[in-house]
Amino acid sequence: VPAAASRDQEAADRSSPGHEAETGSSPAPGRPRTKFSASQLQELERSFREQRYIGANEKRRLAAALNLSQSQIKTWFQNRRMKFKRQTQDAK
């Protein structure tokens, strides 16, 4: 995966009500990509620093607190772990 294409993968490929989504040509059908707010990203990153794998209770709590779906939280964590893995491999 090219670096430019994978760099933004921490944002989930789903949108939720009340969140601005990017417009433009998207090759995949379905929902537009979610634009996470700065406060949402701050809370997601804080939670990721505490624990890279999110449990069901924390996922529910974050989803409710950030007005996102549990699947968006799950996808964000999956993408963030991959970003972390790339960063640690690049550092070697």
PDB file of N, CA and C in Angstrom:
ATOM      1  N   VAL A   1       0.863  -1.184   0.000  1.00  0.00           N
ATOM      2  CA  VAL A   1       0.000   0.000   0.000  1.00  0.00           C
ATOM      3  C   VAL A   1       0.899   1.233   0.000  1.00  0.00           C
ATOM      4  N   PRO A   2       0.690   2.153  -0.944  1.00  0.00           N
ATOM      5  CA  PRO A   2       1.512   3.368  -0.985  1.00  0.00           C
ATOM      6  C   PRO A   2       1.340   4.184   0.285  1.00  0.00           C
ATOM      7  N   ALA A   3       2.421   4.852   0.679  1.00  0.00           N
ATOM      8  CA  ALA A   3       2.405   5.622   1.932  1.00  0.00           C
ATOM      9  C   ALA A   3       1.319   6.684   1.924  1.00  0.00           C
ATOM     10  N   ALA A   4       1.137   7.383   0.812  1.00  0.00           N
ATOM     11  CA  ALA A   4       0.129   8.447   0.757  1.00  0.00           C
ATOM     12  C   ALA A   4      -1.276   7.883   0.945  1.00  0.00           C
ATOM     13  N   ALA A   5      -1.534   6.727   0.366  1.00  0.00           N
ATOM     14  CA  ALA A   5      -2.869   6.130   0.480  1.00  0.00           C
ATOM     15  C   ALA A   5      -3.101   5.573   1.880  1.00  0.00           C
ATOM     16  N   SER A   6      -2.077   5.033   2.502  1.00  0.00           N
ATOM     17  CA  SER A   6      -2.261   4.412   3.807  1.00  0.00           C
ATOM     18  C   SER A   6      -2.141   5.405   4.958  1.00  0.00           C
ATOM     19  N   ARG A   7      -1.561   6.574   4.694  1.00  0.00           N
ATOM     20  CA  ARG A   7      -1.337   7.552   5.762  1.00  0.00           C
ATOM     21  C   ARG A   7      -2.631   7.965   6.443  1.00  0.00           C
ATOM     22  N   ASP A   8      -3.712   8.081   5.685  1.00  0.00           N
ATOM     23  CA  ASP A   8      -4.977   8.547   6.237  1.00  0.00           C
ATOM     24  C   ASP A   8      -5.914   7.417   6.631  1.00  0.00           C
ATOM     25  N   GLN A   9      -5.414   6.213   6.739  1.00  0.00           N
ATOM     26  CA  GLN A   9      -6.281   5.079   7.032  1.00  0.00           C
ATOM     27  C   GLN A   9      -6.779   5.055   8.460  1.00  0.00           C
ATOM     28  N   GLU A  10      -6.265   5.950   9.332  1.00  0.00           N
ATOM     29  CA  GLU A  10      -6.776   5.924  10.707  1.00  0.00           C
ATOM     30  C   GLU A  10      -8.205   6.424  10.790  1.00  0.00           C
ATOM     31  N   ALA A  11      -8.662   7.129   9.759  1.00  0.00           N
ATOM     32  CA  ALA A  11     -10.070   7.531   9.711  1.00  0.00           C
ATOM     33  C   ALA A  11     -10.860   6.357   9.143  1.00  0.00           C
ATOM     34  N   ALA A  12     -11.985   6.056   9.754  1.00  0.00           N
ATOM     35  CA  ALA A  12     -12.796   4.920   9.305  1.00  0.00           C
ATOM     36  C   ALA A  12     -13.466   5.232   7.975  1.00  0.00           C
ATOM     37  N   ASP A  13     -13.867   4.209   7.263  1.00  0.00           N
ATOM     38  CA  ASP A  13     -14.521   4.379   5.980  1.00  0.00           C
ATOM     39  C   ASP A  13     -16.035   4.480   6.123  1.00  0.00           C
ATOM     40  N   ARG A  14     -16.488   4.882   7.284  1.00  0.00           N
ATOM     41  CA  ARG A  14     -17.931   5.036   7.505  1.00  0.00           C
ATOM     42  C   ARG A  14     -18.219   6.414   8.062  1.00  0.00           C
ATOM     43  N   SER A  15     -19.400   6.902   7.774  1.00  0.00           N
ATOM     44  CA  SER A  15     -19.819   8.204   8.270  1.00  0.00           C
ATOM     45  C   SER A  15     -20.875   8.010   9.339  1.00  0.00           C
ATOM     46  N   SER A  16     -21.019   8.979  10.197  1.00  0.00           N
ATOM     47  CA  SER A  16     -22.089   8.930  11.180  1.00  0.00           C
ATOM     48  C   SER A  16     -22.836  10.249  11.160  1.00  0.00           C
ATOM     49  N   PRO A  17     -24.065  10.260  11.615  1.00  0.00           N
ATOM     50  CA  PRO A  17     -24.855  11.496  11.588  1.00  0.00           C
ATOM     51  C   PRO A  17     -24.153  12.615  12.347  1.00  0.00           C
ATOM     52  N   GLY A  18     -24.201  13.799  11.778  1.00  0.00           N
ATOM     53  CA  GLY A  18     -23.639  14.953  12.448  1.00  0.00           C
ATOM     54  C   GLY A  18     -22.159  15.146  12.208  1.00  0.00           C
ATOM     55  N   HIS A  19     -21.559  14.289  11.398  1.00  0.00           N
ATOM     56  CA  HIS A  19     -20.134  14.427  11.113  1.00  0.00           C
ATOM     57  C   HIS A  19     -19.940  14.661   9.632  1.00  0.00           C
ATOM     58  N   GLU A  20     -19.177  15.714   9.330  1.00  0.00           N
ATOM     59  CA  GLU A  20     -18.935  16.084   7.939  1.00  0.00           C
ATOM     60  C   GLU A  20     -18.095  15.011   7.249  1.00  0.00           C
ATOM     61  N   ALA A  21     -18.524  14.596   6.080  1.00  0.00           N
ATOM     62  CA  ALA A  21     -17.781  13.594   5.326  1.00  0.00           C
ATOM     63  C   ALA A  21     -17.214  14.244   4.072  1.00  0.00           C
ATOM     64  N   GLU A  22     -16.072  13.717   3.628  1.00  0.00           N
ATOM     65  CA  GLU A  22     -15.462  14.252   2.423  1.00  0.00           C
ATOM     66  C   GLU A  22     -16.327  13.937   1.213  1.00  0.00           C
ATOM     67  N   THR A  23     -16.319  14.854   0.263  1.00  0.00           N
ATOM     68  CA  THR A  23     -17.027  14.604  -0.984  1.00  0.00           C
ATOM     69  C   THR A  23     -15.989  14.344  -2.061  1.00  0.00           C
ATOM     70  N   GLY A  24     -16.403  13.744  -3.145  1.00  0.00           N
ATOM     71  CA  GLY A  24     -15.482  13.431  -4.225  1.00  0.00           C
ATOM     72  C   GLY A  24     -15.736  12.033  -4.713  1.00  0.00           C
ATOM     73  N   SER A  25     -14.933  11.618  -5.682  1.00  0.00           N
ATOM     74  CA  SER A  25     -15.136  10.297  -6.244  1.00  0.00           C
ATOM     75  C   SER A  25     -14.527   9.247  -5.326  1.00  0.00           C
ATOM     76  N   SER A  26     -15.347   8.316  -4.918  1.00  0.00           N
ATOM     77  CA  SER A  26     -14.903   7.223  -4.071  1.00  0.00           C
ATOM     78  C   SER A  26     -15.102   5.927  -4.846  1.00  0.00           C
ATOM     79  N   PRO A  27     -14.052   5.127  -4.988  1.00  0.00           N
ATOM     80  CA  PRO A  27     -14.175   3.904  -5.775  1.00  0.00           C
ATOM     81  C   PRO A  27     -15.089   2.863  -5.136  1.00  0.00           C
ATOM     82  N   ALA A  28     -15.203   2.890  -3.815  1.00  0.00           N
ATOM     83  CA  ALA A  28     -16.018   1.892  -3.127  1.00  0.00           C
ATOM     84  C   ALA A  28     -17.412   2.439  -2.850  1.00  0.00           C
ATOM     85  N   PRO A  29     -18.442   1.635  -3.110  1.00  0.00           N
ATOM     86  CA  PRO A  29     -19.797   2.089  -2.784  1.00  0.00           C
ATOM     87  C   PRO A  29     -20.006   2.073  -1.276  1.00  0.00           C
ATOM     88  N   GLY A  30     -21.050   2.697  -0.816  1.00  0.00           N
ATOM     89  CA  GLY A  30     -21.346   2.708   0.609  1.00  0.00           C
ATOM     90  C   GLY A  30     -21.235   4.108   1.173  1.00  0.00           C
ATOM     91  N   ARG A  31     -21.000   4.163   2.457  1.00  0.00           N
ATOM     92  CA  ARG A  31     -20.936   5.454   3.127  1.00  0.00           C
ATOM     93  C   ARG A  31     -19.650   6.193   2.797  1.00  0.00           C
ATOM     94  N   PRO A  32     -19.713   7.529   2.844  1.00  0.00           N
ATOM     95  CA  PRO A  32     -18.476   8.299   2.665  1.00  0.00           C
ATOM     96  C   PRO A  32     -17.582   8.170   3.893  1.00  0.00           C
ATOM     97  N   ARG A  33     -16.343   8.523   3.731  1.00  0.00           N
ATOM     98  CA  ARG A  33     -15.350   8.435   4.789  1.00  0.00           C
ATOM     99  C   ARG A  33     -15.686   9.411   5.926  1.00  0.00           C
ATOM    100  N   THR A  34     -15.500   8.974   7.155  1.00  0.00           N
ATOM    101  CA  THR A  34     -15.758   9.825   8.313  1.00  0.00           C
ATOM    102  C   THR A  34     -14.639  10.843   8.487  1.00  0.00           C
ATOM    103  N   LYS A  35     -14.999  12.091   8.745  1.00  0.00           N
ATOM    104  CA  LYS A  35     -14.033  13.110   9.137  1.00  0.00           C
ATOM    105  C   LYS A  35     -14.149  13.242  10.646  1.00  0.00           C
ATOM    106  N   PHE A  36     -13.177  12.687  11.362  1.00  0.00           N
ATOM    107  CA  PHE A  36     -13.205  12.775  12.814  1.00  0.00           C
ATOM    108  C   PHE A  36     -12.834  14.185  13.239  1.00  0.00           C
ATOM    109  N   SER A  37     -13.501  14.679  14.269  1.00  0.00           N
ATOM    110  CA  SER A  37     -13.169  16.004  14.797  1.00  0.00           C
ATOM    111  C   SER A  37     -11.883  15.902  15.613  1.00  0.00           C
ATOM    112  N   ALA A  38     -11.278  17.049  15.881  1.00  0.00           N
ATOM    113  CA  ALA A  38     -10.039  17.076  16.665  1.00  0.00           C
ATOM    114  C   ALA A  38     -10.269  16.493  18.055  1.00  0.00           C
ATOM    115  N   SER A  39     -11.422  16.790  18.656  1.00  0.00           N
ATOM    116  CA  SER A  39     -11.692  16.272  20.005  1.00  0.00           C
ATOM    117  C   SER A  39     -11.915  14.759  19.973  1.00  0.00           C
ATOM    118  N   GLN A  40     -12.553  14.248  18.920  1.00  0.00           N
ATOM    119  CA  GLN A  40     -12.731  12.799  18.799  1.00  0.00           C
ATOM    120  C   GLN A  40     -11.368  12.118  18.662  1.00  0.00           C
ATOM    121  N   LEU A  41     -10.520  12.666  17.786  1.00  0.00           N
ATOM    122  CA  LEU A  41      -9.187  12.079  17.586  1.00  0.00           C
ATOM    123  C   LEU A  41      -8.361  12.135  18.868  1.00  0.00           C
ATOM    124  N   GLN A  42      -8.469  13.219  19.589  1.00  0.00           N
ATOM    125  CA  GLN A  42      -7.726  13.359  20.839  1.00  0.00           C
ATOM    126  C   GLN A  42      -8.129  12.257  21.825  1.00  0.00           C
ATOM    127  N   GLU A  43      -9.417  12.020  21.950  1.00  0.00           N
ATOM    128  CA  GLU A  43      -9.900  10.991  22.879  1.00  0.00           C
ATOM    129  C   GLU A  43      -9.536   9.588  22.378  1.00  0.00           C
ATOM    130  N   LEU A  44      -9.648   9.341  21.077  1.00  0.00           N
ATOM    131  CA  LEU A  44      -9.274   8.044  20.523  1.00  0.00           C
ATOM    132  C   LEU A  44      -7.777   7.779  20.733  1.00  0.00           C
ATOM    133  N   GLU A  45      -6.946   8.779  20.467  1.00  0.00           N
ATOM    134  CA  GLU A  45      -5.498   8.617  20.666  1.00  0.00           C
ATOM    135  C   GLU A  45      -5.159   8.388  22.138  1.00  0.00           C
ATOM    136  N   ARG A  46      -5.843   9.104  23.040  1.00  0.00           N
ATOM    137  CA  ARG A  46      -5.599   8.919  24.466  1.00  0.00           C
ATOM    138  C   ARG A  46      -5.915   7.481  24.868  1.00  0.00           C
ATOM    139  N   SER A  47      -7.045   6.983  24.393  1.00  0.00           N
ATOM    140  CA  SER A  47      -7.447   5.619  24.702  1.00  0.00           C
ATOM    141  C   SER A  47      -6.463   4.613  24.099  1.00  0.00           C
ATOM    142  N   PHE A  48      -5.975   4.899  22.882  1.00  0.00           N
ATOM    143  CA  PHE A  48      -5.016   4.010  22.222  1.00  0.00           C
ATOM    144  C   PHE A  48      -3.690   3.965  22.993  1.00  0.00           C
ATOM    145  N   ARG A  49      -3.259   5.098  23.525  1.00  0.00           N
ATOM    146  CA  ARG A  49      -2.013   5.119  24.306  1.00  0.00           C
ATOM    147  C   ARG A  49      -2.134   4.256  25.551  1.00  0.00           C
ATOM    148  N   GLU A  50      -3.327   4.228  26.137  1.00  0.00           N
ATOM    149  CA  GLU A  50      -3.540   3.413  27.336  1.00  0.00           C
ATOM    150  C   GLU A  50      -3.575   1.926  27.000  1.00  0.00           C
ATOM    151  N   GLN A  51      -4.236   1.592  25.900  1.00  0.00           N
ATOM    152  CA  GLN A  51      -4.377   0.182  25.516  1.00  0.00           C
ATOM    153  C   GLN A  51      -4.619   0.095  24.017  1.00  0.00           C
ATOM    154  N   ARG A  52      -3.748  -0.659  23.311  1.00  0.00           N
ATOM    155  CA  ARG A  52      -3.859  -0.756  21.855  1.00  0.00           C
ATOM    156  C   ARG A  52      -5.052  -1.574  21.389  1.00  0.00           C
ATOM    157  N   TYR A  53      -5.493  -2.512  22.220  1.00  0.00           N
ATOM    158  CA  TYR A  53      -6.659  -3.330  21.871  1.00  0.00           C
ATOM    159  C   TYR A  53      -7.815  -2.907  22.770  1.00  0.00           C
ATOM    160  N   ILE A  54      -8.930  -2.574  22.142  1.00  0.00           N
ATOM    161  CA  ILE A  54     -10.068  -2.035  22.885  1.00  0.00           C
ATOM    162  C   ILE A  54     -11.038  -3.157  23.250  1.00  0.00           C
ATOM    163  N   GLY A  55     -11.515  -3.140  24.478  1.00  0.00           N
ATOM    164  CA  GLY A  55     -12.495  -4.113  24.942  1.00  0.00           C
ATOM    165  C   GLY A  55     -13.910  -3.646  24.616  1.00  0.00           C
ATOM    166  N   ALA A  56     -14.856  -4.534  24.777  1.00  0.00           N
ATOM    167  CA  ALA A  56     -16.254  -4.241  24.433  1.00  0.00           C
ATOM    168  C   ALA A  56     -16.812  -3.083  25.269  1.00  0.00           C
ATOM    169  N   ASN A  57     -16.513  -3.066  26.562  1.00  0.00           N
ATOM    170  CA  ASN A  57     -17.041  -1.994  27.417  1.00  0.00           C
ATOM    171  C   ASN A  57     -16.470  -0.635  27.032  1.00  0.00           C
ATOM    172  N   GLU A  58     -15.158  -0.589  26.803  1.00  0.00           N
ATOM    173  CA  GLU A  58     -14.516   0.675  26.415  1.00  0.00           C
ATOM    174  C   GLU A  58     -15.005   1.122  25.041  1.00  0.00           C
ATOM    175  N   LYS A  59     -15.227   0.167  24.147  1.00  0.00           N
ATOM    176  CA  LYS A  59     -15.732   0.496  22.814  1.00  0.00           C
ATOM    177  C   LYS A  59     -17.119   1.131  22.915  1.00  0.00           C
ATOM    178  N   ARG A  60     -17.977   0.551  23.754  1.00  0.00           N
ATOM    179  CA  ARG A  60     -19.318   1.117  23.961  1.00  0.00           C
ATOM    180  C   ARG A  60     -19.235   2.515  24.577  1.00  0.00           C
ATOM    181  N   ARG A  61     -18.354   2.666  25.572  1.00  0.00           N
ATOM    182  CA  ARG A  61     -18.203   3.956  26.238  1.00  0.00           C
ATOM    183  C   ARG A  61     -17.725   5.030  25.261  1.00  0.00           C
ATOM    184  N   LEU A  62     -16.694   4.700  24.480  1.00  0.00           N
ATOM    185  CA  LEU A  62     -16.173   5.665  23.502  1.00  0.00           C
ATOM    186  C   LEU A  62     -17.213   6.005  22.444  1.00  0.00           C
ATOM    187  N   ALA A  63     -17.912   5.007  21.947  1.00  0.00           N
ATOM    188  CA  ALA A  63     -18.929   5.240  20.916  1.00  0.00           C
ATOM    189  C   ALA A  63     -19.981   6.219  21.421  1.00  0.00           C
ATOM    190  N   ALA A  64     -20.441   6.023  22.643  1.00  0.00           N
ATOM    191  CA  ALA A  64     -21.459   6.906  23.217  1.00  0.00           C
ATOM    192  C   ALA A  64     -20.880   8.306  23.467  1.00  0.00           C
ATOM    193  N   ALA A  65     -19.679   8.371  24.012  1.00  0.00           N
ATOM    194  CA  ALA A  65     -19.069   9.658  24.365  1.00  0.00           C
ATOM    195  C   ALA A  65     -18.728  10.487  23.125  1.00  0.00           C
ATOM    196  N   LEU A  66     -18.342   9.803  22.034  1.00  0.00           N
ATOM    197  CA  LEU A  66     -17.873  10.515  20.840  1.00  0.00           C
ATOM    198  C   LEU A  66     -18.922  10.597  19.734  1.00  0.00           C
ATOM    199  N   ASN A  67     -20.113  10.064  19.992  1.00  0.00           N
ATOM    200  CA  ASN A  67     -21.185  10.060  18.996  1.00  0.00           C
ATOM    201  C   ASN A  67     -20.744   9.352  17.711  1.00  0.00           C
ATOM    202  N   LEU A  68     -20.130   8.190  17.884  1.00  0.00           N
ATOM    203  CA  LEU A  68     -19.695   7.350  16.766  1.00  0.00           C
ATOM    204  C   LEU A  68     -20.269   5.955  16.973  1.00  0.00           C
ATOM    205  N   SER A  69     -20.273   5.156  15.922  1.00  0.00           N
ATOM    206  CA  SER A  69     -20.746   3.780  16.082  1.00  0.00           C
ATOM    207  C   SER A  69     -19.616   2.909  16.637  1.00  0.00           C
ATOM    208  N   GLN A  70     -19.983   1.788  17.229  1.00  0.00           N
ATOM    209  CA  GLN A  70     -18.969   0.860  17.742  1.00  0.00           C
ATOM    210  C   GLN A  70     -18.101   0.328  16.613  1.00  0.00           C
ATOM    211  N   SER A  71     -18.688   0.143  15.435  1.00  0.00           N
ATOM    212  CA  SER A  71     -17.878  -0.351  14.314  1.00  0.00           C
ATOM    213  C   SER A  71     -16.875   0.709  13.850  1.00  0.00           C
ATOM    214  N   GLN A  72     -17.234   1.993  13.968  1.00  0.00           N
ATOM    215  CA  GLN A  72     -16.273   3.049  13.628  1.00  0.00           C
ATOM    216  C   GLN A  72     -15.112   3.048  14.620  1.00  0.00           C
ATOM    217  N   ILE A  73     -15.413   2.837  15.897  1.00  0.00           N
ATOM    218  CA  ILE A  73     -14.375   2.767  16.921  1.00  0.00           C
ATOM    219  C   ILE A  73     -13.468   1.567  16.646  1.00  0.00           C
ATOM    220  N   LYS A  74     -14.072   0.421  16.380  1.00  0.00           N
ATOM    221  CA  LYS A  74     -13.308  -0.797  16.098  1.00  0.00           C
ATOM    222  C   LYS A  74     -12.395  -0.593  14.893  1.00  0.00           C
ATOM    223  N   THR A  75     -12.933  -0.033  13.823  1.00  0.00           N
ATOM    224  CA  THR A  75     -12.148   0.197  12.605  1.00  0.00           C
ATOM    225  C   THR A  75     -11.029   1.187  12.858  1.00  0.00           C
ATOM    226  N   TRP A  76     -11.311   2.248  13.619  1.00  0.00           N
ATOM    227  CA  TRP A  76     -10.270   3.233  13.919  1.00  0.00           C
ATOM    228  C   TRP A  76      -9.112   2.559  14.653  1.00  0.00           C
ATOM    229  N   PHE A  77      -9.438   1.711  15.648  1.00  0.00           N
ATOM    230  CA  PHE A  77      -8.385   1.026  16.403  1.00  0.00           C
ATOM    231  C   PHE A  77      -7.593   0.076  15.506  1.00  0.00           C
ATOM    232  N   GLN A  78      -8.266  -0.637  14.614  1.00  0.00           N
ATOM    233  CA  GLN A  78      -7.558  -1.539  13.693  1.00  0.00           C
ATOM    234  C   GLN A  78      -6.594  -0.741  12.824  1.00  0.00           C
ATOM    235  N   ASN A  79      -7.081   0.353  12.262  1.00  0.00           N
ATOM    236  CA  ASN A  79      -6.244   1.185  11.400  1.00  0.00           C
ATOM    237  C   ASN A  79      -5.106   1.833  12.182  1.00  0.00           C
ATOM    238  N   ARG A  80      -5.375   2.241  13.419  1.00  0.00           N
ATOM    239  CA  ARG A  80      -4.346   2.890  14.240  1.00  0.00           C
ATOM    240  C   ARG A  80      -3.255   1.891  14.613  1.00  0.00           C
ATOM    241  N   ARG A  81      -3.641   0.625  14.866  1.00  0.00           N
ATOM    242  CA  ARG A  81      -2.619  -0.393  15.148  1.00  0.00           C
ATOM    243  C   ARG A  81      -1.728  -0.620  13.940  1.00  0.00           C
ATOM    244  N   MET A  82      -2.310  -0.604  12.754  1.00  0.00           N
ATOM    245  CA  MET A  82      -1.507  -0.776  11.540  1.00  0.00           C
ATOM    246  C   MET A  82      -0.570   0.417  11.346  1.00  0.00           C
ATOM    247  N   LYS A  83      -1.049   1.615  11.619  1.00  0.00           N
ATOM    248  CA  LYS A  83      -0.203   2.808  11.528  1.00  0.00           C
ATOM    249  C   LYS A  83       0.951   2.702  12.528  1.00  0.00           C
ATOM    250  N   PHE A  84       0.647   2.263  13.752  1.00  0.00           N
ATOM    251  CA  PHE A  84       1.660   2.086  14.783  1.00  0.00           C
ATOM    252  C   PHE A  84       2.706   1.065  14.330  1.00  0.00           C
ATOM    253  N   LYS A  85       2.235  -0.030  13.746  1.00  0.00           N
ATOM    254  CA  LYS A  85       3.135  -1.086  13.263  1.00  0.00           C
ATOM    255  C   LYS A  85       4.065  -0.548  12.178  1.00  0.00           C
ATOM    256  N   ARG A  86       3.517   0.234  11.235  1.00  0.00           N
ATOM    257  CA  ARG A  86       4.342   0.828  10.172  1.00  0.00           C
ATOM    258  C   ARG A  86       5.379   1.782  10.766  1.00  0.00           C
ATOM    259  N   GLN A  87       4.945   2.587  11.731  1.00  0.00           N
ATOM    260  CA  GLN A  87       5.867   3.556  12.332  1.00  0.00           C
ATOM    261  C   GLN A  87       7.006   2.855  13.066  1.00  0.00           C
ATOM    262  N   THR A  88       6.693   1.782  13.786  1.00  0.00           N
ATOM    263  CA  THR A  88       7.749   1.083  14.521  1.00  0.00           C
ATOM    264  C   THR A  88       8.662   0.318  13.570  1.00  0.00           C
ATOM    265  N   GLN A  89       8.146  -0.177  12.456  1.00  0.00           N
ATOM    266  CA  GLN A  89       8.986  -0.855  11.477  1.00  0.00           C
ATOM    267  C   GLN A  89       9.900   0.131  10.754  1.00  0.00           C
ATOM    268  N   ASP A  90       9.377   1.326  10.465  1.00  0.00           N
ATOM    269  CA  ASP A  90      10.171   2.348   9.797  1.00  0.00           C
ATOM    270  C   ASP A  90      11.306   2.840  10.686  1.00  0.00           C
ATOM    271  N   ALA A  91      11.099   2.812  11.990  1.00  0.00           N
ATOM    272  CA  ALA A  91      12.104   3.293  12.933  1.00  0.00           C
ATOM    273  C   ALA A  91      13.297   2.337  13.044  1.00  0.00           C
ATOM    274  N   LYS A  92      13.087   1.077  12.653  1.00  0.00           N
ATOM    275  CA  LYS A  92      14.157   0.081  12.765  1.00  0.00           C
ATOM    276  C   LYS A  92      15.193   0.228  11.655  1.00  0.00           C
TER     277      LYS A  92
END
